[in-house]
Amino acid sequence: MERLRRQDAEAGVVEQPLTAAQKDAIAEARNLWEAKLAELAILHRAALARTGDPAARAELEEHHRRDVQRVTDDRDRRIARIRTGGA
């Protein structure tokens, strides 16, 4: 961590502590996206239970993986905007 801080200092990156509002917004965003991920998991399990075909199951797995990645990326972008003050 110290090495990364030194690299940031050399690059001119200034670390600013998060405000209480930013912390609250980040917590709210994480809760929202946790709920979205839980919903995706429930829908995925239900779809798998209805499907017996291995090819269809593989396709469902791929769609689920992409959906989870998309939601996770959205969450990370939102948190990054909150951290930089662009909420």
PDB file of N, CA and C in Angstrom:
ATOM      1  N   MET A   1       0.825  -1.188   0.000  1.00  0.00           N
ATOM      2  CA  MET A   1       0.000   0.000   0.000  1.00  0.00           C
ATOM      3  C   MET A   1       0.871   1.255   0.000  1.00  0.00           C
ATOM      4  N   GLU A   2       1.918   1.199   0.782  1.00  0.00           N
ATOM      5  CA  GLU A   2       2.800   2.365   0.872  1.00  0.00           C
ATOM      6  C   GLU A   2       3.430   2.660  -0.490  1.00  0.00           C
ATOM      7  N   ARG A   3       3.819   1.616  -1.196  1.00  0.00           N
ATOM      8  CA  ARG A   3       4.424   1.793  -2.514  1.00  0.00           C
ATOM      9  C   ARG A   3       3.420   2.438  -3.466  1.00  0.00           C
ATOM     10  N   LEU A   4       2.159   2.022  -3.393  1.00  0.00           N
ATOM     11  CA  LEU A   4       1.136   2.613  -4.248  1.00  0.00           C
ATOM     12  C   LEU A   4       0.887   4.069  -3.887  1.00  0.00           C
ATOM     13  N   ARG A   5       0.924   4.378  -2.607  1.00  0.00           N
ATOM     14  CA  ARG A   5       0.758   5.776  -2.186  1.00  0.00           C
ATOM     15  C   ARG A   5       1.903   6.637  -2.714  1.00  0.00           C
ATOM     16  N   ARG A   6       3.118   6.096  -2.659  1.00  0.00           N
ATOM     17  CA  ARG A   6       4.267   6.836  -3.179  1.00  0.00           C
ATOM     18  C   ARG A   6       4.115   7.065  -4.682  1.00  0.00           C
ATOM     19  N   GLN A   7       3.664   6.030  -5.401  1.00  0.00           N
ATOM     20  CA  GLN A   7       3.466   6.175  -6.843  1.00  0.00           C
ATOM     21  C   GLN A   7       2.408   7.239  -7.137  1.00  0.00           C
ATOM     22  N   ASP A   8       1.343   7.248  -6.362  1.00  0.00           N
ATOM     23  CA  ASP A   8       0.307   8.264  -6.538  1.00  0.00           C
ATOM     24  C   ASP A   8       0.864   9.661  -6.256  1.00  0.00           C
ATOM     25  N   ALA A   9       1.645   9.786  -5.203  1.00  0.00           N
ATOM     26  CA  ALA A   9       2.227  11.085  -4.853  1.00  0.00           C
ATOM     27  C   ALA A   9       3.152  11.567  -5.966  1.00  0.00           C
ATOM     28  N   GLU A  10       3.937  10.660  -6.526  1.00  0.00           N
ATOM     29  CA  GLU A  10       4.841  11.020  -7.615  1.00  0.00           C
ATOM     30  C   GLU A  10       4.061  11.421  -8.864  1.00  0.00           C
ATOM     31  N   ALA A  11       2.901  10.814  -9.065  1.00  0.00           N
ATOM     32  CA  ALA A  11       2.082  11.123 -10.240  1.00  0.00           C
ATOM     33  C   ALA A  11       1.223  12.364 -10.024  1.00  0.00           C
ATOM     34  N   GLY A  12       1.233  12.899  -8.804  1.00  0.00           N
ATOM     35  CA  GLY A  12       0.484  14.111  -8.523  1.00  0.00           C
ATOM     36  C   GLY A  12      -0.953  13.858  -8.087  1.00  0.00           C
ATOM     37  N   VAL A  13      -1.270  12.624  -7.761  1.00  0.00           N
ATOM     38  CA  VAL A  13      -2.619  12.282  -7.312  1.00  0.00           C
ATOM     39  C   VAL A  13      -2.743  12.644  -5.842  1.00  0.00           C
ATOM     40  N   VAL A  14      -3.762  13.436  -5.524  1.00  0.00           N
ATOM     41  CA  VAL A  14      -3.979  13.868  -4.142  1.00  0.00           C
ATOM     42  C   VAL A  14      -5.136  13.056  -3.573  1.00  0.00           C
ATOM     43  N   GLU A  15      -4.878  12.405  -2.450  1.00  0.00           N
ATOM     44  CA  GLU A  15      -5.909  11.598  -1.805  1.00  0.00           C
ATOM     45  C   GLU A  15      -6.737  12.471  -0.876  1.00  0.00           C
ATOM     46  N   GLN A  16      -8.057  12.445  -1.084  1.00  0.00           N
ATOM     47  CA  GLN A  16      -8.950  13.213  -0.236  1.00  0.00           C
ATOM     48  C   GLN A  16      -9.885  12.241   0.466  1.00  0.00           C
ATOM     49  N   PRO A  17     -10.085  12.429   1.758  1.00  0.00           N
ATOM     50  CA  PRO A  17     -10.994  11.535   2.471  1.00  0.00           C
ATOM     51  C   PRO A  17     -12.428  11.730   1.997  1.00  0.00           C
ATOM     52  N   LEU A  18     -13.210  10.652   2.071  1.00  0.00           N
ATOM     53  CA  LEU A  18     -14.607  10.727   1.653  1.00  0.00           C
ATOM     54  C   LEU A  18     -15.425  11.493   2.682  1.00  0.00           C
ATOM     55  N   THR A  19     -16.387  12.239   2.186  1.00  0.00           N
ATOM     56  CA  THR A  19     -17.301  12.947   3.084  1.00  0.00           C
ATOM     57  C   THR A  19     -18.352  11.958   3.578  1.00  0.00           C
ATOM     58  N   ALA A  20     -19.081  12.347   4.589  1.00  0.00           N
ATOM     59  CA  ALA A  20     -20.148  11.485   5.109  1.00  0.00           C
ATOM     60  C   ALA A  20     -21.209  11.238   4.038  1.00  0.00           C
ATOM     61  N   ALA A  21     -21.512  12.260   3.246  1.00  0.00           N
ATOM     62  CA  ALA A  21     -22.496  12.110   2.178  1.00  0.00           C
ATOM     63  C   ALA A  21     -22.020  11.108   1.126  1.00  0.00           C
ATOM     64  N   GLN A  22     -20.716  11.166   0.787  1.00  0.00           N
ATOM     65  CA  GLN A  22     -20.167  10.223  -0.180  1.00  0.00           C
ATOM     66  C   GLN A  22     -20.222   8.802   0.371  1.00  0.00           C
ATOM     67  N   LYS A  23     -19.886   8.639   1.652  1.00  0.00           N
ATOM     68  CA  LYS A  23     -19.940   7.316   2.271  1.00  0.00           C
ATOM     69  C   LYS A  23     -21.356   6.765   2.249  1.00  0.00           C
ATOM     70  N   ASP A  24     -22.325   7.615   2.552  1.00  0.00           N
ATOM     71  CA  ASP A  24     -23.725   7.192   2.532  1.00  0.00           C
ATOM     72  C   ASP A  24     -24.158   6.811   1.114  1.00  0.00           C
ATOM     73  N   ALA A  25     -23.759   7.614   0.141  1.00  0.00           N
ATOM     74  CA  ALA A  25     -24.131   7.341  -1.248  1.00  0.00           C
ATOM     75  C   ALA A  25     -23.502   6.038  -1.738  1.00  0.00           C
ATOM     76  N   ILE A  26     -22.261   5.778  -1.343  1.00  0.00           N
ATOM     77  CA  ILE A  26     -21.590   4.536  -1.732  1.00  0.00           C
ATOM     78  C   ILE A  26     -22.286   3.344  -1.085  1.00  0.00           C
ATOM     79  N   ALA A  27     -22.642   3.462   0.186  1.00  0.00           N
ATOM     80  CA  ALA A  27     -23.338   2.371   0.871  1.00  0.00           C
ATOM     81  C   ALA A  27     -24.691   2.103   0.214  1.00  0.00           C
ATOM     82  N   GLU A  28     -25.397   3.160  -0.147  1.00  0.00           N
ATOM     83  CA  GLU A  28     -26.697   3.005  -0.803  1.00  0.00           C
ATOM     84  C   GLU A  28     -26.533   2.338  -2.165  1.00  0.00           C
ATOM     85  N   ALA A  29     -25.518   2.751  -2.911  1.00  0.00           N
ATOM     86  CA  ALA A  29     -25.269   2.149  -4.222  1.00  0.00           C
ATOM     87  C   ALA A  29     -24.935   0.672  -4.079  1.00  0.00           C
ATOM     88  N   ARG A  30     -24.107   0.333  -3.115  1.00  0.00           N
ATOM     89  CA  ARG A  30     -23.755  -1.079  -2.913  1.00  0.00           C
ATOM     90  C   ARG A  30     -24.978  -1.899  -2.533  1.00  0.00           C
ATOM     91  N   ASN A  31     -25.840  -1.364  -1.687  1.00  0.00           N
ATOM     92  CA  ASN A  31     -27.056  -2.081  -1.308  1.00  0.00           C
ATOM     93  C   ASN A  31     -27.968  -2.293  -2.514  1.00  0.00           C
ATOM     94  N   LEU A  32     -28.107  -1.262  -3.341  1.00  0.00           N
ATOM     95  CA  LEU A  32     -28.939  -1.368  -4.532  1.00  0.00           C
ATOM     96  C   LEU A  32     -28.416  -2.454  -5.460  1.00  0.00           C
ATOM     97  N   TRP A  33     -27.121  -2.448  -5.709  1.00  0.00           N
ATOM     98  CA  TRP A  33     -26.556  -3.418  -6.626  1.00  0.00           C
ATOM     99  C   TRP A  33     -26.519  -4.825  -6.026  1.00  0.00           C
ATOM    100  N   GLU A  34     -26.408  -4.947  -4.725  1.00  0.00           N
ATOM    101  CA  GLU A  34     -26.523  -6.267  -4.097  1.00  0.00           C
ATOM    102  C   GLU A  34     -27.912  -6.829  -4.339  1.00  0.00           C
ATOM    103  N   ALA A  35     -28.923  -5.993  -4.242  1.00  0.00           N
ATOM    104  CA  ALA A  35     -30.297  -6.425  -4.499  1.00  0.00           C
ATOM    105  C   ALA A  35     -30.459  -6.843  -5.962  1.00  0.00           C
ATOM    106  N   LYS A  36     -29.860  -6.092  -6.872  1.00  0.00           N
ATOM    107  CA  LYS A  36     -29.943  -6.451  -8.285  1.00  0.00           C
ATOM    108  C   LYS A  36     -29.271  -7.789  -8.544  1.00  0.00           C
ATOM    109  N   LEU A  37     -28.107  -8.008  -7.922  1.00  0.00           N
ATOM    110  CA  LEU A  37     -27.401  -9.277  -8.098  1.00  0.00           C
ATOM    111  C   LEU A  37     -28.202 -10.434  -7.513  1.00  0.00           C
ATOM    112  N   ALA A  38     -28.839 -10.213  -6.378  1.00  0.00           N
ATOM    113  CA  ALA A  38     -29.667 -11.260  -5.767  1.00  0.00           C
ATOM    114  C   ALA A  38     -30.846 -11.595  -6.681  1.00  0.00           C
ATOM    115  N   GLU A  39     -31.459 -10.572  -7.259  1.00  0.00           N
ATOM    116  CA  GLU A  39     -32.569 -10.804  -8.177  1.00  0.00           C
ATOM    117  C   GLU A  39     -32.116 -11.615  -9.385  1.00  0.00           C
ATOM    118  N   LEU A  40     -30.958 -11.257  -9.936  1.00  0.00           N
ATOM    119  CA  LEU A  40     -30.424 -12.010 -11.070  1.00  0.00           C
ATOM    120  C   LEU A  40     -30.187 -13.471 -10.709  1.00  0.00           C
ATOM    121  N   ALA A  41     -29.655 -13.708  -9.517  1.00  0.00           N
ATOM    122  CA  ALA A  41     -29.374 -15.074  -9.081  1.00  0.00           C
ATOM    123  C   ALA A  41     -30.665 -15.877  -8.948  1.00  0.00           C
ATOM    124  N   ILE A  42     -31.695 -15.270  -8.385  1.00  0.00           N
ATOM    125  CA  ILE A  42     -32.975 -15.960  -8.222  1.00  0.00           C
ATOM    126  C   ILE A  42     -33.577 -16.297  -9.589  1.00  0.00           C
ATOM    127  N   LEU A  43     -33.583 -15.328 -10.480  1.00  0.00           N
ATOM    128  CA  LEU A  43     -34.131 -15.566 -11.817  1.00  0.00           C
ATOM    129  C   LEU A  43     -33.320 -16.624 -12.568  1.00  0.00           C
ATOM    130  N   HIS A  44     -32.018 -16.606 -12.379  1.00  0.00           N
ATOM    131  CA  HIS A  44     -31.148 -17.587 -13.042  1.00  0.00           C
ATOM    132  C   HIS A  44     -31.436 -18.996 -12.536  1.00  0.00           C
ATOM    133  N   ARG A  45     -31.544 -19.145 -11.216  1.00  0.00           N
ATOM    134  CA  ARG A  45     -31.840 -20.468 -10.656  1.00  0.00           C
ATOM    135  C   ARG A  45     -33.201 -20.976 -11.130  1.00  0.00           C
ATOM    136  N   ALA A  46     -34.180 -20.096 -11.215  1.00  0.00           N
ATOM    137  CA  ALA A  46     -35.506 -20.490 -11.694  1.00  0.00           C
ATOM    138  C   ALA A  46     -35.448 -20.932 -13.155  1.00  0.00           C
ATOM    139  N   ALA A  47     -34.695 -20.218 -13.970  1.00  0.00           N
ATOM    140  CA  ALA A  47     -34.567 -20.583 -15.379  1.00  0.00           C
ATOM    141  C   ALA A  47     -33.851 -21.916 -15.529  1.00  0.00           C
ATOM    142  N   LEU A  48     -32.818 -22.148 -14.717  1.00  0.00           N
ATOM    143  CA  LEU A  48     -32.100 -23.421 -14.777  1.00  0.00           C
ATOM    144  C   LEU A  48     -33.000 -24.577 -14.361  1.00  0.00           C
ATOM    145  N   ALA A  49     -33.852 -24.341 -13.383  1.00  0.00           N
ATOM    146  CA  ALA A  49     -34.750 -25.399 -12.910  1.00  0.00           C
ATOM    147  C   ALA A  49     -35.750 -25.804 -13.993  1.00  0.00           C
ATOM    148  N   ARG A  50     -36.102 -24.876 -14.874  1.00  0.00           N
ATOM    149  CA  ARG A  50     -37.055 -25.170 -15.944  1.00  0.00           C
ATOM    150  C   ARG A  50     -36.395 -25.795 -17.165  1.00  0.00           C
ATOM    151  N   THR A  51     -35.070 -25.821 -17.202  1.00  0.00           N
ATOM    152  CA  THR A  51     -34.350 -26.248 -18.396  1.00  0.00           C
ATOM    153  C   THR A  51     -33.575 -27.531 -18.122  1.00  0.00           C
ATOM    154  N   GLY A  52     -33.763 -28.508 -18.994  1.00  0.00           N
ATOM    155  CA  GLY A  52     -33.036 -29.764 -18.861  1.00  0.00           C
ATOM    156  C   GLY A  52     -31.984 -29.940 -19.937  1.00  0.00           C
ATOM    157  N   ASP A  53     -32.115 -29.215 -21.018  1.00  0.00           N
ATOM    158  CA  ASP A  53     -31.199 -29.330 -22.148  1.00  0.00           C
ATOM    159  C   ASP A  53     -29.836 -28.740 -21.788  1.00  0.00           C
ATOM    160  N   PRO A  54     -28.770 -29.533 -21.909  1.00  0.00           N
ATOM    161  CA  PRO A  54     -27.428 -29.023 -21.556  1.00  0.00           C
ATOM    162  C   PRO A  54     -26.996 -27.799 -22.371  1.00  0.00           C
ATOM    163  N   ALA A  55     -27.366 -27.755 -23.637  1.00  0.00           N
ATOM    164  CA  ALA A  55     -26.982 -26.612 -24.472  1.00  0.00           C
ATOM    165  C   ALA A  55     -27.714 -25.348 -24.002  1.00  0.00           C
ATOM    166  N   ALA A  56     -28.980 -25.502 -23.675  1.00  0.00           N
ATOM    167  CA  ALA A  56     -29.743 -24.355 -23.191  1.00  0.00           C
ATOM    168  C   ALA A  56     -29.227 -23.895 -21.831  1.00  0.00           C
ATOM    169  N   ARG A  57     -28.839 -24.845 -20.994  1.00  0.00           N
ATOM    170  CA  ARG A  57     -28.290 -24.501 -19.680  1.00  0.00           C
ATOM    171  C   ARG A  57     -26.975 -23.737 -19.838  1.00  0.00           C
ATOM    172  N   ALA A  58     -26.147 -24.174 -20.783  1.00  0.00           N
ATOM    173  CA  ALA A  58     -24.875 -23.483 -21.029  1.00  0.00           C
ATOM    174  C   ALA A  58     -25.132 -22.057 -21.505  1.00  0.00           C
ATOM    175  N   GLU A  59     -26.148 -21.899 -22.353  1.00  0.00           N
ATOM    176  CA  GLU A  59     -26.493 -20.556 -22.834  1.00  0.00           C
ATOM    177  C   GLU A  59     -27.006 -19.686 -21.684  1.00  0.00           C
ATOM    178  N   LEU A  60     -27.825 -20.275 -20.806  1.00  0.00           N
ATOM    179  CA  LEU A  60     -28.311 -19.539 -19.635  1.00  0.00           C
ATOM    180  C   LEU A  60     -27.149 -19.124 -18.729  1.00  0.00           C
ATOM    181  N   GLU A  61     -26.195 -20.013 -18.543  1.00  0.00           N
ATOM    182  CA  GLU A  61     -25.015 -19.696 -17.721  1.00  0.00           C
ATOM    183  C   GLU A  61     -24.238 -18.528 -18.309  1.00  0.00           C
ATOM    184  N   GLU A  62     -24.075 -18.534 -19.619  1.00  0.00           N
ATOM    185  CA  GLU A  62     -23.339 -17.457 -20.286  1.00  0.00           C
ATOM    186  C   GLU A  62     -24.087 -16.128 -20.146  1.00  0.00           C
ATOM    187  N   HIS A  63     -25.396 -16.154 -20.337  1.00  0.00           N
ATOM    188  CA  HIS A  63     -26.187 -14.929 -20.180  1.00  0.00           C
ATOM    189  C   HIS A  63     -26.105 -14.415 -18.744  1.00  0.00           C
ATOM    190  N   HIS A  64     -26.171 -15.317 -17.791  1.00  0.00           N
ATOM    191  CA  HIS A  64     -26.092 -14.925 -16.383  1.00  0.00           C
ATOM    192  C   HIS A  64     -24.726 -14.308 -16.073  1.00  0.00           C
ATOM    193  N   ARG A  65     -23.675 -14.924 -16.583  1.00  0.00           N
ATOM    194  CA  ARG A  65     -22.331 -14.398 -16.349  1.00  0.00           C
ATOM    195  C   ARG A  65     -22.201 -12.983 -16.910  1.00  0.00           C
ATOM    196  N   ARG A  66     -22.738 -12.765 -18.123  1.00  0.00           N
ATOM    197  CA  ARG A  66     -22.686 -11.428 -18.720  1.00  0.00           C
ATOM    198  C   ARG A  66     -23.519 -10.420 -17.937  1.00  0.00           C
ATOM    199  N   ASP A  67     -24.693 -10.841 -17.481  1.00  0.00           N
ATOM    200  CA  ASP A  67     -25.555  -9.951 -16.695  1.00  0.00           C
ATOM    201  C   ASP A  67     -24.884  -9.543 -15.392  1.00  0.00           C
ATOM    202  N   VAL A  68     -24.268 -10.515 -14.720  1.00  0.00           N
ATOM    203  CA  VAL A  68     -23.582 -10.227 -13.458  1.00  0.00           C
ATOM    204  C   VAL A  68     -22.412  -9.272 -13.703  1.00  0.00           C
ATOM    205  N   GLN A  69     -21.670  -9.494 -14.772  1.00  0.00           N
ATOM    206  CA  GLN A  69     -20.539  -8.624 -15.088  1.00  0.00           C
ATOM    207  C   GLN A  69     -21.016  -7.200 -15.398  1.00  0.00           C
ATOM    208  N   ARG A  70     -22.107  -7.087 -16.144  1.00  0.00           N
ATOM    209  CA  ARG A  70     -22.654  -5.772 -16.484  1.00  0.00           C
ATOM    210  C   ARG A  70     -23.097  -5.019 -15.228  1.00  0.00           C
ATOM    211  N   VAL A  71     -23.818  -5.706 -14.354  1.00  0.00           N
ATOM    212  CA  VAL A  71     -24.291  -5.070 -13.123  1.00  0.00           C
ATOM    213  C   VAL A  71     -23.108  -4.675 -12.241  1.00  0.00           C
ATOM    214  N   THR A  72     -22.117  -5.540 -12.147  1.00  0.00           N
ATOM    215  CA  THR A  72     -20.933  -5.243 -11.335  1.00  0.00           C
ATOM    216  C   THR A  72     -20.170  -4.046 -11.905  1.00  0.00           C
ATOM    217  N   ASP A  73     -20.042  -3.999 -13.218  1.00  0.00           N
ATOM    218  CA  ASP A  73     -19.363  -2.854 -13.847  1.00  0.00           C
ATOM    219  C   ASP A  73     -20.131  -1.559 -13.619  1.00  0.00           C
ATOM    220  N   ASP A  74     -21.466  -1.624 -13.726  1.00  0.00           N
ATOM    221  CA  ASP A  74     -22.292  -0.442 -13.456  1.00  0.00           C
ATOM    222  C   ASP A  74     -22.081   0.050 -12.028  1.00  0.00           C
ATOM    223  N   ARG A  75     -22.071  -0.889 -11.087  1.00  0.00           N
ATOM    224  CA  ARG A  75     -21.863  -0.534  -9.676  1.00  0.00           C
ATOM    225  C   ARG A  75     -20.511   0.143  -9.487  1.00  0.00           C
ATOM    226  N   ASP A  76     -19.476  -0.446 -10.056  1.00  0.00           N
ATOM    227  CA  ASP A  76     -18.131   0.110  -9.895  1.00  0.00           C
ATOM    228  C   ASP A  76     -18.016   1.514 -10.501  1.00  0.00           C
ATOM    229  N   ARG A  77     -18.647   1.721 -11.667  1.00  0.00           N
ATOM    230  CA  ARG A  77     -18.624   3.052 -12.283  1.00  0.00           C
ATOM    231  C   ARG A  77     -19.363   4.067 -11.416  1.00  0.00           C
ATOM    232  N   ARG A  78     -20.486   3.661 -10.863  1.00  0.00           N
ATOM    233  CA  ARG A  78     -21.266   4.559  -9.999  1.00  0.00           C
ATOM    234  C   ARG A  78     -20.459   4.939  -8.764  1.00  0.00           C
ATOM    235  N   ILE A  79     -19.819   3.971  -8.141  1.00  0.00           N
ATOM    236  CA  ILE A  79     -19.017   4.248  -6.949  1.00  0.00           C
ATOM    237  C   ILE A  79     -17.837   5.148  -7.296  1.00  0.00           C
ATOM    238  N   ALA A  80     -17.223   4.930  -8.445  1.00  0.00           N
ATOM    239  CA  ALA A  80     -16.105   5.791  -8.865  1.00  0.00           C
ATOM    240  C   ALA A  80     -16.582   7.225  -9.069  1.00  0.00           C
ATOM    241  N   ARG A  81     -17.786   7.407  -9.658  1.00  0.00           N
ATOM    242  CA  ARG A  81     -18.326   8.767  -9.825  1.00  0.00           C
ATOM    243  C   ARG A  81     -18.595   9.418  -8.473  1.00  0.00           C
ATOM    244  N   ILE A  82     -19.091   8.650  -7.540  1.00  0.00           N
ATOM    245  CA  ILE A  82     -19.360   9.199  -6.208  1.00  0.00           C
ATOM    246  C   ILE A  82     -18.041   9.613  -5.557  1.00  0.00           C
ATOM    247  N   ARG A  83     -17.027   8.793  -5.673  1.00  0.00           N
ATOM    248  CA  ARG A  83     -15.729   9.099  -5.060  1.00  0.00           C
ATOM    249  C   ARG A  83     -15.099  10.358  -5.633  1.00  0.00           C
ATOM    250  N   THR A  84     -15.316  10.606  -6.921  1.00  0.00           N
ATOM    251  CA  THR A  84     -14.713  11.796  -7.537  1.00  0.00           C
ATOM    252  C   THR A  84     -15.588  13.019  -7.415  1.00  0.00           C
ATOM    253  N   GLY A  85     -16.749  12.848  -6.800  1.00  0.00           N
ATOM    254  CA  GLY A  85     -17.618  14.001  -6.586  1.00  0.00           C
ATOM    255  C   GLY A  85     -18.585  14.261  -7.704  1.00  0.00           C
ATOM    256  N   GLY A  86     -18.655  13.369  -8.674  1.00  0.00           N
ATOM    257  CA  GLY A  86     -19.572  13.552  -9.796  1.00  0.00           C
ATOM    258  C   GLY A  86     -20.867  12.804  -9.620  1.00  0.00           C
ATOM    259  N   ALA A  87     -21.293  12.578  -8.382  1.00  0.00           N
ATOM    260  CA  ALA A  87     -22.505  11.789  -8.108  1.00  0.00           C
ATOM    261  C   ALA A  87     -23.668  12.415  -8.794  1.00  0.00           C
TER     262      ALA A  87
END
